[in-house]
C-alpha atoms as a PDB file:
ATOM      1  CA  MET A   1      24.221 -15.562   1.708  1.00  0.00           C
ATOM      2  CA  LEU A   2      22.676 -14.088  -1.458  1.00  0.00           C
ATOM      3  CA  PRO A   3      24.348 -16.656  -3.756  1.00  0.00           C
ATOM      4  CA  GLU A   4      22.840 -19.407  -1.597  1.00  0.00           C
ATOM      5  CA  ILE A   5      19.396 -17.780  -1.714  1.00  0.00           C
ATOM      6  CA  HIS A   6      19.653 -17.482  -5.497  1.00  0.00           C
ATOM      7  CA  ARG A   7      20.615 -21.155  -5.816  1.00  0.00           C
ATOM      8  CA  ILE A   8      17.761 -22.301  -3.548  1.00  0.00           C
ATOM      9  CA  VAL A   9      15.140 -20.278  -5.419  1.00  0.00           C
ATOM     10  CA  TYR A  10      16.267 -20.519  -9.020  1.00  0.00           C
ATOM     11  CA  GLY A  11      18.712 -23.406  -9.316  1.00  0.00           C
ATOM     12  CA  GLY A  12      21.753 -23.320 -11.593  1.00  0.00           C
ATOM     13  CA  ASP A  13      20.292 -22.678 -15.044  1.00  0.00           C
ATOM     14  CA  THR A  14      18.672 -19.293 -14.387  1.00  0.00           C
ATOM     15  CA  PRO A  15      19.524 -15.606 -14.799  1.00  0.00           C
ATOM     16  CA  LYS A  16      22.433 -14.578 -12.640  1.00  0.00           C
ATOM     17  CA  THR A  17      20.619 -11.680 -11.006  1.00  0.00           C
ATOM     18  CA  ILE A  18      17.602 -11.210  -8.740  1.00  0.00           C
ATOM     19  CA  SER A  19      14.889  -8.733  -9.688  1.00  0.00           C
ATOM     20  CA  ILE A  20      12.468  -7.354  -7.121  1.00  0.00           C
ATOM     21  CA  TRP A  21      10.287  -4.222  -7.303  1.00  0.00           C
ATOM     22  CA  GLY A  22      12.156  -3.094 -10.402  1.00  0.00           C
ATOM     23  CA  ILE A  23      15.576  -3.310  -8.745  1.00  0.00           C
ATOM     24  CA  THR A  24      18.175  -5.760 -10.080  1.00  0.00           C
ATOM     25  CA  ILE A  25      20.395  -7.347  -7.433  1.00  0.00           C
ATOM     26  CA  ASP A  26      23.605  -9.173  -8.279  1.00  0.00           C
ATOM     27  CA  PRO A  27      24.015 -11.936  -5.657  1.00  0.00           C
ATOM     28  CA  GLN A  28      27.765 -11.955  -6.235  1.00  0.00           C
ATOM     29  CA  ASP A  29      28.098  -8.189  -5.833  1.00  0.00           C
ATOM     30  CA  PRO A  30      25.015  -6.635  -4.178  1.00  0.00           C
ATOM     31  CA  ALA A  31      26.971  -3.482  -3.351  1.00  0.00           C
ATOM     32  CA  ALA A  32      27.211  -2.724  -7.077  1.00  0.00           C
ATOM     33  CA  ASP A  33      23.837  -0.995  -6.796  1.00  0.00           C
ATOM     34  CA  PRO A  34      23.205   0.907  -3.524  1.00  0.00           C
ATOM     35  CA  ARG A  35      19.464   0.440  -4.014  1.00  0.00           C
ATOM     36  CA  ALA A  36      19.901  -3.296  -3.446  1.00  0.00           C
ATOM     37  CA  SER A  37      20.821  -2.688   0.191  1.00  0.00           C
ATOM     38  CA  VAL A  38      17.677  -0.602   0.694  1.00  0.00           C
ATOM     39  CA  VAL A  39      15.512  -3.397  -0.692  1.00  0.00           C
ATOM     40  CA  LEU A  40      17.223  -6.108   1.356  1.00  0.00           C
ATOM     41  CA  MET A  41      16.948  -4.063   4.560  1.00  0.00           C
ATOM     42  CA  LYS A  42      13.179  -4.183   4.258  1.00  0.00           C
ATOM     43  CA  PHE A  43      13.259  -7.918   4.840  1.00  0.00           C
ATOM     44  CA  LEU A  44      15.648  -7.567   7.760  1.00  0.00           C
ATOM     45  CA  ARG A  45      13.443  -4.953   9.416  1.00  0.00           C
ATOM     46  CA  ALA A  46      10.367  -7.086   8.770  1.00  0.00           C
ATOM     47  CA  ARG A  47      12.008  -9.811  10.852  1.00  0.00           C
ATOM     48  CA  LYS A  48      13.439  -7.494  13.510  1.00  0.00           C
ATOM     49  CA  LEU A  49      16.989  -7.743  12.099  1.00  0.00           C
ATOM     50  CA  ASP A  50      17.106 -11.522  12.532  1.00  0.00           C
ATOM     51  CA  VAL A  51      19.240 -12.664   9.597  1.00  0.00           C
ATOM     52  CA  GLY A  52      18.015 -16.258   9.616  1.00  0.00           C
ATOM     53  CA  THR A  53      14.300 -15.478   9.490  1.00  0.00           C
ATOM     54  CA  ALA A  54      14.884 -12.625   7.034  1.00  0.00           C
ATOM     55  CA  LYS A  55      16.656 -15.089   4.740  1.00  0.00           C
ATOM     56  CA  THR A  56      13.687 -17.465   4.962  1.00  0.00           C
ATOM     57  CA  LEU A  57      11.286 -14.633   4.157  1.00  0.00           C
ATOM     58  CA  LEU A  58      13.309 -13.483   1.147  1.00  0.00           C
ATOM     59  CA  ILE A  59      13.385 -17.045  -0.222  1.00  0.00           C
ATOM     60  CA  GLU A  60       9.596 -17.273   0.188  1.00  0.00           C
ATOM     61  CA  VAL A  61       9.052 -13.937  -1.541  1.00  0.00           C
ATOM     62  CA  LEU A  62      11.286 -14.750  -4.509  1.00  0.00           C
ATOM     63  CA  ARG A  63       9.651 -18.157  -4.955  1.00  0.00           C
ATOM     64  CA  TRP A  64       6.212 -16.587  -4.754  1.00  0.00           C
ATOM     65  CA  ARG A  65       7.077 -13.905  -7.321  1.00  0.00           C
ATOM     66  CA  GLN A  66       8.263 -16.618  -9.677  1.00  0.00           C
ATOM     67  CA  GLN A  67       5.194 -18.808  -9.114  1.00  0.00           C
ATOM     68  CA  VAL A  68       2.650 -16.029  -9.714  1.00  0.00           C
ATOM     69  CA  ASN A  69       4.651 -14.586 -12.656  1.00  0.00           C
ATOM     70  CA  ILE A  70       4.646 -11.062 -11.302  1.00  0.00           C
ATOM     71  CA  ASP A  71       5.574  -9.446 -14.625  1.00  0.00           C
ATOM     72  CA  ASP A  72       2.560 -11.065 -16.277  1.00  0.00           C
ATOM     73  CA  ILE A  73       0.245  -9.816 -13.521  1.00  0.00           C
ATOM     74  CA  MET A  74       1.534  -6.292 -14.158  1.00  0.00           C
ATOM     75  CA  THR A  75       0.202  -6.399 -17.722  1.00  0.00           C
ATOM     76  CA  ARG A  76      -3.273  -7.658 -16.859  1.00  0.00           C
ATOM     77  CA  GLN A  77      -6.549  -5.806 -16.422  1.00  0.00           C
ATOM     78  CA  PHE A  78      -8.839  -6.961 -13.643  1.00  0.00           C
ATOM     79  CA  PRO A  79     -12.597  -6.552 -13.255  1.00  0.00           C
ATOM     80  CA  GLY A  80     -14.368  -5.465 -10.139  1.00  0.00           C
ATOM     81  CA  THR A  81     -14.244  -2.751  -7.524  1.00  0.00           C
ATOM     82  CA  LYS A  82     -12.205   0.380  -8.142  1.00  0.00           C
ATOM     83  CA  MET A  83     -11.013   1.833  -4.855  1.00  0.00           C
ATOM     84  CA  LEU A  84     -10.122   5.447  -5.468  1.00  0.00           C
ATOM     85  CA  ALA A  85      -6.496   6.270  -4.680  1.00  0.00           C
ATOM     86  CA  THR A  86      -4.371   9.281  -5.536  1.00  0.00           C
ATOM     87  CA  LYS A  87      -0.715   9.949  -4.855  1.00  0.00           C
ATOM     88  CA  PHE A  88      -0.394  13.632  -3.954  1.00  0.00           C
ATOM     89  CA  GLY A  89       2.407  15.622  -2.368  1.00  0.00           C
ATOM     90  CA  LYS A  90       4.940  14.362   0.141  1.00  0.00           C
ATOM     91  CA  ASP A  91       5.417  14.095   3.877  1.00  0.00           C
ATOM     92  CA  LYS A  92       8.107  15.856   5.910  1.00  0.00           C
ATOM     93  CA  GLU A  93      10.570  13.079   5.085  1.00  0.00           C
ATOM     94  CA  GLY A  94      10.023  13.584   1.354  1.00  0.00           C
ATOM     95  CA  GLN A  95       7.997  10.402   0.922  1.00  0.00           C
ATOM     96  CA  PRO A  96       4.874  10.312  -1.290  1.00  0.00           C
ATOM     97  CA  VAL A  97       1.469  10.465   0.367  1.00  0.00           C
ATOM     98  CA  VAL A  98      -1.212   8.100  -0.951  1.00  0.00           C
ATOM     99  CA  TYR A  99      -4.816   9.131  -0.282  1.00  0.00           C
ATOM    100  CA  ASN A 100      -7.622   6.541  -0.426  1.00  0.00           C
ATOM    101  CA  LEU A 101     -11.338   7.273  -0.369  1.00  0.00           C
ATOM    102  CA  VAL A 102     -13.456   4.349   0.803  1.00  0.00           C
ATOM    103  CA  SER A 103     -17.189   4.258   0.098  1.00  0.00           C
ATOM    104  CA  PRO A 104     -19.864   1.854   1.384  1.00  0.00           C
ATOM    105  CA  GLU A 105     -20.172   0.478  -2.150  1.00  0.00           C
ATOM    106  CA  ASN A 106     -16.429  -0.245  -2.178  1.00  0.00           C
ATOM    107  CA  ALA A 107     -16.515  -2.027   1.154  1.00  0.00           C
ATOM    108  CA  LYS A 108     -19.479  -4.248   0.287  1.00  0.00           C
ATOM    109  CA  SER A 109     -18.093  -5.074  -3.149  1.00  0.00           C
ATOM    110  CA  ILE A 110     -14.675  -6.014  -1.814  1.00  0.00           C
ATOM    111  CA  TRP A 111     -16.150  -8.368   0.784  1.00  0.00           C
ATOM    112  CA  ALA A 112     -18.341  -9.965  -1.897  1.00  0.00           C
ATOM    113  CA  GLU A 113     -15.435 -10.304  -4.326  1.00  0.00           C
ATOM    114  CA  LEU A 114     -13.229 -11.937  -1.696  1.00  0.00           C
ATOM    115  CA  GLU A 115     -15.912 -14.526  -1.069  1.00  0.00           C
ATOM    116  CA  ALA A 116     -16.635 -15.104  -4.777  1.00  0.00           C
ATOM    117  CA  ASP A 117     -13.166 -14.934  -6.346  1.00  0.00           C
ATOM    118  CA  SER A 118     -10.405 -14.354  -3.824  1.00  0.00           C
ATOM    119  CA  LYS A 119      -7.687 -15.269  -6.354  1.00  0.00           C
ATOM    120  CA  MET A 120      -8.682 -12.383  -8.625  1.00  0.00           C
ATOM    121  CA  VAL A 121      -8.778  -9.935  -5.714  1.00  0.00           C
ATOM    122  CA  ILE A 122      -5.345 -11.053  -4.555  1.00  0.00           C
ATOM    123  CA  GLN A 123      -3.860 -10.701  -8.042  1.00  0.00           C
ATOM    124  CA  ARG A 124      -5.444  -7.281  -8.486  1.00  0.00           C
ATOM    125  CA  THR A 125      -4.086  -6.141  -5.129  1.00  0.00           C
ATOM    126  CA  VAL A 126      -0.647  -7.508  -5.982  1.00  0.00           C
ATOM    127  CA  ARG A 127      -0.615  -5.635  -9.295  1.00  0.00           C
ATOM    128  CA  ASN A 128      -1.400  -2.370  -7.563  1.00  0.00           C
ATOM    129  CA  MET A 129       1.083  -2.859  -4.732  1.00  0.00           C
ATOM    130  CA  GLU A 130       3.749  -3.845  -7.251  1.00  0.00           C
ATOM    131  CA  LYS A 131       2.976  -0.718  -9.277  1.00  0.00           C
ATOM    132  CA  LEU A 132       3.450   1.432  -6.192  1.00  0.00           C
ATOM    133  CA  ALA A 133       6.615  -0.425  -5.165  1.00  0.00           C
ATOM    134  CA  ARG A 134       8.162   0.042  -8.603  1.00  0.00           C
ATOM    135  CA  SER A 135       7.394   3.768  -8.554  1.00  0.00           C
ATOM    136  CA  LEU A 136       9.827   4.350  -5.654  1.00  0.00           C
ATOM    137  CA  ASN A 137      13.484   5.044  -6.384  1.00  0.00           C
ATOM    138  CA  TYR A 138      15.043   3.250  -3.363  1.00  0.00           C
ATOM    139  CA  GLU A 139      17.619   5.995  -3.128  1.00  0.00           C
ATOM    140  CA  THR A 140      15.809   8.805  -1.338  1.00  0.00           C
ATOM    141  CA  ILE A 141      12.325   7.246  -1.288  1.00  0.00           C
ATOM    142  CA  ASP A 142      11.394   3.691  -0.304  1.00  0.00           C
ATOM    143  CA  ARG A 143       8.168   4.149   1.670  1.00  0.00           C
ATOM    144  CA  VAL A 144       4.903   6.083   1.563  1.00  0.00           C
ATOM    145  CA  THR A 145       2.507   7.671   4.035  1.00  0.00           C
ATOM    146  CA  ARG A 146      -1.101   6.475   3.665  1.00  0.00           C
ATOM    147  CA  VAL A 147      -4.246   8.472   4.408  1.00  0.00           C
ATOM    148  CA  THR A 148      -7.621   6.725   4.125  1.00  0.00           C
ATOM    149  CA  ASP A 149     -10.657   9.024   4.053  1.00  0.00           C
ATOM    150  CA  MET A 150     -13.706   7.446   5.699  1.00  0.00           C
ATOM    151  CA  THR A 151     -16.109  10.359   5.177  1.00  0.00           C
ATOM    152  CA  MET A 152     -18.767   8.130   3.665  1.00  0.00           C
ATOM    153  CA  MET A 153     -18.381   5.203   6.052  1.00  0.00           C
ATOM    154  CA  SER A 154     -20.161   3.944   9.143  1.00  0.00           C
ATOM    155  CA  LEU A 155     -19.414   0.961  11.352  1.00  0.00           C
ATOM    156  CA  GLU A 156     -22.070  -1.089   9.577  1.00  0.00           C
ATOM    157  CA  ASP A 157     -20.464  -0.421   6.193  1.00  0.00           C
ATOM    158  CA  LEU A 158     -17.378  -2.455   7.095  1.00  0.00           C
ATOM    159  CA  GLY A 159     -19.352  -5.653   7.360  1.00  0.00           C
ATOM    160  CA  ASP A 160     -19.685  -8.369   9.960  1.00  0.00           C
ATOM    161  CA  PRO A 161     -17.046  -8.076  12.727  1.00  0.00           C
ATOM    162  CA  LYS A 162     -16.986 -11.882  12.919  1.00  0.00           C
ATOM    163  CA  ARG A 163     -15.885 -12.117   9.296  1.00  0.00           C
ATOM    164  CA  THR A 164     -12.191 -12.886   8.920  1.00  0.00           C
ATOM    165  CA  GLN A 165      -9.894 -11.477   6.284  1.00  0.00           C
ATOM    166  CA  ASN A 166      -8.583 -13.713   3.533  1.00  0.00           C
ATOM    167  CA  ALA A 167      -5.452 -15.247   5.057  1.00  0.00           C
ATOM    168  CA  VAL A 168      -3.538 -15.373   1.768  1.00  0.00           C
ATOM    169  CA  LEU A 169      -4.230 -11.716   0.998  1.00  0.00           C
ATOM    170  CA  MET A 170      -3.132 -10.677   4.479  1.00  0.00           C
ATOM    171  CA  ARG A 171       0.054 -12.720   4.152  1.00  0.00           C
ATOM    172  CA  VAL A 172       0.902 -11.214   0.764  1.00  0.00           C
ATOM    173  CA  MET A 173       0.420  -7.652   1.966  1.00  0.00           C
ATOM    174  CA  ARG A 174       2.144  -8.130   5.304  1.00  0.00           C
ATOM    175  CA  ASP A 175       5.123 -10.294   4.332  1.00  0.00           C
ATOM    176  CA  TYR A 176       5.681  -9.947   0.591  1.00  0.00           C
ATOM    177  CA  TYR A 177       5.615  -6.138   0.569  1.00  0.00           C
ATOM    178  CA  PRO A 178       7.240  -5.365   3.917  1.00  0.00           C
ATOM    179  CA  ASP A 179       8.206  -1.990   5.330  1.00  0.00           C
ATOM    180  CA  PHE A 180       6.424   0.163   2.749  1.00  0.00           C
ATOM    181  CA  SER A 181       4.309   2.386   5.018  1.00  0.00           C
ATOM    182  CA  THR A 182       5.869   4.970   7.304  1.00  0.00           C
ATOM    183  CA  HIS A 183       2.575   6.323   8.652  1.00  0.00           C
ATOM    184  CA  LYS A 184      -1.040   5.176   8.240  1.00  0.00           C
ATOM    185  CA  PHE A 185      -4.029   7.370   9.040  1.00  0.00           C
ATOM    186  CA  ALA A 186      -7.797   6.897   8.785  1.00  0.00           C
ATOM    187  CA  VAL A 187      -9.419  10.345   8.729  1.00  0.00           C
ATOM    188  CA  ASN A 188     -13.042  11.433   9.127  1.00  0.00           C
ATOM    189  CA  ALA A 189     -13.523   8.256  11.128  1.00  0.00           C
ATOM    190  CA  PRO A 190     -16.655   8.147  13.326  1.00  0.00           C
ATOM    191  CA  PHE A 191     -15.813   7.835  17.018  1.00  0.00           C
ATOM    192  CA  LEU A 192     -17.346   4.387  17.416  1.00  0.00           C
ATOM    193  CA  LEU A 193     -15.454   3.231  14.352  1.00  0.00           C
ATOM    194  CA  ALA A 194     -12.131   4.381  15.757  1.00  0.00           C
ATOM    195  CA  ALA A 195     -12.917   2.836  19.127  1.00  0.00           C
ATOM    196  CA  THR A 196     -13.698  -0.578  17.670  1.00  0.00           C
ATOM    197  CA  THR A 197     -10.546  -2.669  17.498  1.00  0.00           C
ATOM    198  CA  TRP A 198     -11.744  -5.264  14.964  1.00  0.00           C
ATOM    199  CA  VAL A 199     -12.220  -2.620  12.306  1.00  0.00           C
ATOM    200  CA  SER A 200      -8.456  -2.248  11.879  1.00  0.00           C
ATOM    201  CA  SER A 201      -8.486  -5.554  10.005  1.00  0.00           C
ATOM    202  CA  PHE A 202     -10.308  -3.790   7.168  1.00  0.00           C
ATOM    203  CA  PHE A 203      -7.131  -1.843   6.403  1.00  0.00           C
ATOM    204  CA  ILE A 204      -4.986  -4.426   4.676  1.00  0.00           C
ATOM    205  CA  THR A 205      -1.745  -2.528   4.206  1.00  0.00           C
ATOM    206  CA  PRO A 206       1.878  -3.550   3.772  1.00  0.00           C
ATOM    207  CA  ASP A 207       3.743  -4.603   6.918  1.00  0.00           C
ATOM    208  CA  GLY A 208       0.676  -4.511   9.170  1.00  0.00           C
ATOM    209  CA  GLY A 209       1.250  -1.901  11.826  1.00  0.00           C
ATOM    210  CA  THR A 210      -1.110   0.466  13.576  1.00  0.00           C
ATOM    211  CA  VAL A 211      -3.609   2.669  11.794  1.00  0.00           C
ATOM    212  CA  GLN A 212      -4.026   6.027  13.539  1.00  0.00           C
ATOM    213  CA  PHE A 213      -7.693   6.993  13.571  1.00  0.00           C
ATOM    214  CA  VAL A 214      -8.396  10.720  13.247  1.00  0.00           C
ATOM    215  CA  GLY A 215     -11.763  12.381  13.855  1.00  0.00           C
ATOM    216  CA  LYS A 216     -13.907  14.470  11.550  1.00  0.00           C
ATOM    217  CA  GLY A 217     -13.358  17.983  10.217  1.00  0.00           C
ATOM    218  CA  ALA A 218     -10.515  19.778   8.466  1.00  0.00           C
ATOM    219  CA  LYS A 219      -9.193  21.379  11.661  1.00  0.00           C
ATOM    220  CA  THR A 220      -8.990  18.083  13.534  1.00  0.00           C
ATOM    221  CA  ILE A 221      -7.420  16.311  10.571  1.00  0.00           C
ATOM    222  CA  ALA A 222      -4.880  19.061   9.904  1.00  0.00           C
ATOM    223  CA  LYS A 223      -3.756  19.105  13.538  1.00  0.00           C
ATOM    224  CA  LYS A 224      -2.860  15.416  13.405  1.00  0.00           C
ATOM    225  CA  LEU A 225      -1.599  15.082   9.848  1.00  0.00           C
ATOM    226  CA  SER A 226       0.567  18.201  10.095  1.00  0.00           C
ATOM    227  CA  GLU A 227       2.753  16.231  12.493  1.00  0.00           C
ATOM    228  CA  VAL A 228       4.062  14.327   9.475  1.00  0.00           C
ATOM    229  CA  ILE A 229       2.846  16.355   6.456  1.00  0.00           C
ATOM    230  CA  ASP A 230       3.712  20.029   6.091  1.00  0.00           C
ATOM    231  CA  PRO A 231       0.601  22.235   5.678  1.00  0.00           C
ATOM    232  CA  THR A 232       1.915  23.356   2.284  1.00  0.00           C
ATOM    233  CA  GLU A 233       1.754  19.701   1.146  1.00  0.00           C
ATOM    234  CA  LEU A 234      -1.564  18.858   2.802  1.00  0.00           C
ATOM    235  CA  PRO A 235      -4.671  19.299   0.588  1.00  0.00           C
ATOM    236  CA  GLU A 236      -7.028  22.136   1.478  1.00  0.00           C
ATOM    237  CA  GLN A 237      -9.783  19.561   1.891  1.00  0.00           C
ATOM    238  CA  PHE A 238      -7.926  18.241   4.937  1.00  0.00           C
ATOM    239  CA  GLY A 239      -7.106  21.621   6.422  1.00  0.00           C
ATOM    240  CA  GLY A 240      -3.847  22.235   4.575  1.00  0.00           C
ATOM    241  CA  LYS A 241      -2.750  24.807   2.014  1.00  0.00           C
ATOM    242  CA  ALA A 242      -2.046  22.633  -1.030  1.00  0.00           C
ATOM    243  CA  THR A 243      -4.280  23.077  -4.059  1.00  0.00           C
ATOM    244  CA  GLY A 244      -4.878  20.712  -6.965  1.00  0.00           C
ATOM    245  CA  PHE A 245      -6.518  17.869  -5.094  1.00  0.00           C
ATOM    246  CA  HIS A 246      -9.977  17.144  -3.721  1.00  0.00           C
ATOM    247  CA  TRP A 247     -12.535  14.360  -3.723  1.00  0.00           C
ATOM    248  CA  LYS A 248     -15.396  15.164  -6.081  1.00  0.00           C
ATOM    249  CA  MET A 249     -18.584  13.547  -4.861  1.00  0.00           C
ATOM    250  CA  GLU A 250     -21.434  15.786  -5.914  1.00  0.00           C
ATOM    251  CA  GLY A 251     -23.886  14.315  -8.430  1.00  0.00           C
ATOM    252  CA  THR A 252     -22.536  10.767  -8.207  1.00  0.00           C
ATOM    253  CA  THR A 253     -22.880   7.810  -5.872  1.00  0.00           C
ATOM    254  CA  GLU A 254     -19.247   6.887  -6.431  1.00  0.00           C
ATOM    255  CA  PRO A 255     -16.570   9.444  -5.454  1.00  0.00           C
ATOM    256  CA  GLN A 256     -14.013  10.569  -8.010  1.00  0.00           C
ATOM    257  CA  ALA A 257     -10.709  12.408  -7.797  1.00  0.00           C
ATOM    258  CA  SER A 258     -10.539  15.904  -9.234  1.00  0.00           C
ATOM    259  CA  ALA A 259      -9.001  15.053 -12.603  1.00  0.00           C
ATOM    260  CA  PRO A 260      -5.480  14.487 -11.232  1.00  0.00           C
ATOM    261  CA  GLU A 261      -4.307  13.473 -14.693  1.00  0.00           C
ATOM    262  CA  ARG A 262      -4.553  17.155 -15.616  1.00  0.00           C
ATOM    263  CA  ASP A 263      -2.705  18.260 -12.502  1.00  0.00           C
ATOM    264  CA  ALA A 264       1.039  17.730 -12.463  1.00  0.00           C
ATOM    265  CA  THR A 265       1.037  17.464  -8.660  1.00  0.00           C
ATOM    266  CA  ALA A 266      -1.418  14.576  -8.388  1.00  0.00           C
ATOM    267  CA  GLU A 267      -1.221  11.069  -9.780  1.00  0.00           C
ATOM    268  CA  LYS A 268      -4.304   8.884  -9.884  1.00  0.00           C
ATOM    269  CA  ILE A 269      -3.700   5.288  -8.897  1.00  0.00           C
ATOM    270  CA  ALA A 270      -6.337   2.592  -9.392  1.00  0.00           C
ATOM    271  CA  ASP A 271      -7.237   0.109  -6.675  1.00  0.00           C
ATOM    272  CA  LEU A 272      -4.597   0.953  -4.100  1.00  0.00           C
END
């Protein structure tokens, strides 16, 4: 099947291999690299193990990556909103945990940018998702756990509930980067926010899925997150025991991570 997919996407006068998320797949011998099977399984799981629809999805993804010139996007710098994200520690399955801090300024800016220049926002999001995807080894790690901190947010900050998400952006995140999130949490979420179903659309994350809303306070957060993250890996700010990470918000309207570039255990990621 892979030789046929390669022929459909690239034709006859192209490189003999397929490259996706930094992994090279030989259509004639995919078993040559065990990581290839891990990558391909993501598309099967995204289509509930239906081979026919998974094949269609893979063809779409490879064509899209060629059309947008994914390697060129990876080298570009994009203007606009910086949504603070830091990769810190791991969950109980050994997968990285990505923490996001969302501010009212972020939310308003992202909505405005989508309306003004959705193509730029999509490309910026693709660059950041591709960066995360390429950071995984596809041997022991092929997914992440996501924690979004909503300390600064209220229901009003997420915008008009009648506003719809950009369909192209949702499609890219859902279908073109499938099966990348094991768990997704929104912590410090106000009760009314968690109880409002439309607000889940604000969390555009790979493969869709359900965001688990967690209440306020370190004790409440730790109780829930410790189900999937060991307390020794959970930052103190969220009721855990791990040091080297916290959101620094004093004296600034825009939150900042605590200099993770100087901490070997934390890696700052822009716009994730």
